[in-house]
Protein backbone atom coordinates (compact mmCIF):
# COMPACT_ATOMS: atom_id res chain seq x y z
CA MET A 1 -18.39 6.14 -41.72
CA ASP A 2 -21.48 7.63 -40.22
CA TYR A 3 -22.05 8.95 -36.73
CA GLU A 4 -23.71 5.77 -35.39
CA GLU A 5 -20.82 3.54 -36.51
CA MET A 6 -18.29 5.88 -34.89
CA GLU A 7 -20.32 5.94 -31.69
CA LYS A 8 -20.51 2.15 -31.65
CA MET A 9 -16.74 1.81 -32.22
CA SER A 10 -16.07 4.34 -29.46
CA LEU A 11 -18.30 2.45 -27.03
CA GLU A 12 -16.62 -0.86 -27.85
CA GLU A 13 -13.17 0.67 -27.38
CA SER A 14 -14.23 2.19 -24.07
CA LYS A 15 -15.54 -1.17 -22.85
CA ARG A 16 -12.32 -2.88 -23.94
CA GLN A 17 -10.18 -0.33 -22.09
CA THR A 18 -12.34 -0.60 -18.98
CA LYS A 19 -12.06 -4.39 -18.99
CA GLU A 20 -8.28 -4.14 -19.44
CA ARG A 21 -7.97 -1.69 -16.53
CA LYS A 22 -10.00 -3.98 -14.28
CA GLU A 23 -7.86 -6.99 -15.15
CA ILE A 24 -4.52 -5.22 -14.81
CA GLY A 25 -5.28 -2.76 -12.02
CA LEU A 26 -7.57 -4.91 -9.90
CA ASN A 27 -10.23 -2.21 -10.43
CA MET A 28 -8.20 0.36 -8.53
CA ILE A 29 -8.30 4.09 -9.22
CA ARG A 30 -4.56 4.05 -9.95
CA PRO A 31 -3.02 0.65 -10.64
CA PHE A 32 0.23 -0.29 -8.92
CA THR A 33 3.38 0.48 -10.84
CA TYR A 34 5.78 -2.36 -11.56
CA ASP A 35 8.06 -1.23 -8.72
CA GLU A 36 5.16 -1.08 -6.26
CA LYS A 37 4.02 -4.59 -7.21
CA LYS A 38 7.57 -5.91 -6.84
CA LEU A 39 7.96 -4.24 -3.45
CA LEU A 40 4.69 -5.73 -2.20
CA TRP A 41 5.38 -9.26 -3.43
CA ASP A 42 9.01 -9.27 -2.28
CA GLY A 43 7.87 -8.09 1.14
CA LEU A 44 5.24 -10.80 1.39
CA ARG A 45 7.71 -13.50 0.42
CA GLU A 46 10.32 -12.34 2.92
CA ASP A 47 11.35 -15.25 5.16
CA ASN A 48 8.27 -17.20 4.03
CA LYS A 49 6.18 -15.41 6.66
CA THR A 50 2.47 -14.89 6.44
CA LEU A 51 0.99 -11.43 6.13
CA HIS A 52 -0.25 -11.69 9.72
CA GLU A 53 3.23 -12.52 11.01
CA LEU A 54 4.74 -9.57 9.15
CA ALA A 55 2.02 -7.26 10.45
CA MET A 56 2.63 -8.45 14.03
CA GLU A 57 6.37 -7.83 13.65
CA GLY A 58 5.64 -4.29 12.53
CA PHE A 59 3.20 -3.80 15.39
CA ASN A 60 5.72 -5.06 17.95
CA GLU A 61 8.46 -2.82 16.53
CA GLU A 62 6.11 0.15 16.73
CA GLN A 63 5.28 -0.62 20.36
CA THR A 64 8.98 -0.93 21.21
CA LEU A 65 9.73 2.42 19.56
CA ARG A 66 6.87 4.07 21.47
CA ARG A 67 8.20 2.74 24.79
CA ILE A 68 11.69 4.05 23.99
CA GLU A 69 10.30 7.47 23.05
CA GLU A 70 8.22 7.61 26.24
CA LYS A 71 11.28 6.77 28.36
CA GLN A 72 13.29 9.48 26.61
CA GLU A 73 10.52 12.02 27.16
CA LEU A 74 10.25 11.07 30.83
CA SER A 75 14.00 11.37 31.35
CA LEU A 76 13.97 14.84 29.72
CA ILE A 77 11.11 15.92 31.97
CA GLU A 78 12.91 14.57 35.03
CA GLU A 79 16.10 16.42 34.05
CA ARG A 80 14.20 19.67 33.62
CA ASN A 81 12.44 19.26 36.95
CA GLY A 82 15.59 18.18 38.78
CA PHE A 83 14.52 14.63 39.72
């Protein structure tokens, strides 16, 4: 086998691997692992909610937690200042 044939085989193999990575990994730098894919899809299917509905639930929970933290901080400040 001469140098040109080896180079051609190497190029073809590289192209095949690149195509496979794009198909499997959605052209990402690091494709999702099986567990990550399962976690994503199970989360999206939860209660048959849309992605927007799930995102809004998370947003609302975050806002609620922020309000609770702010109230706790205010009560600590009031206690320190004797209010």
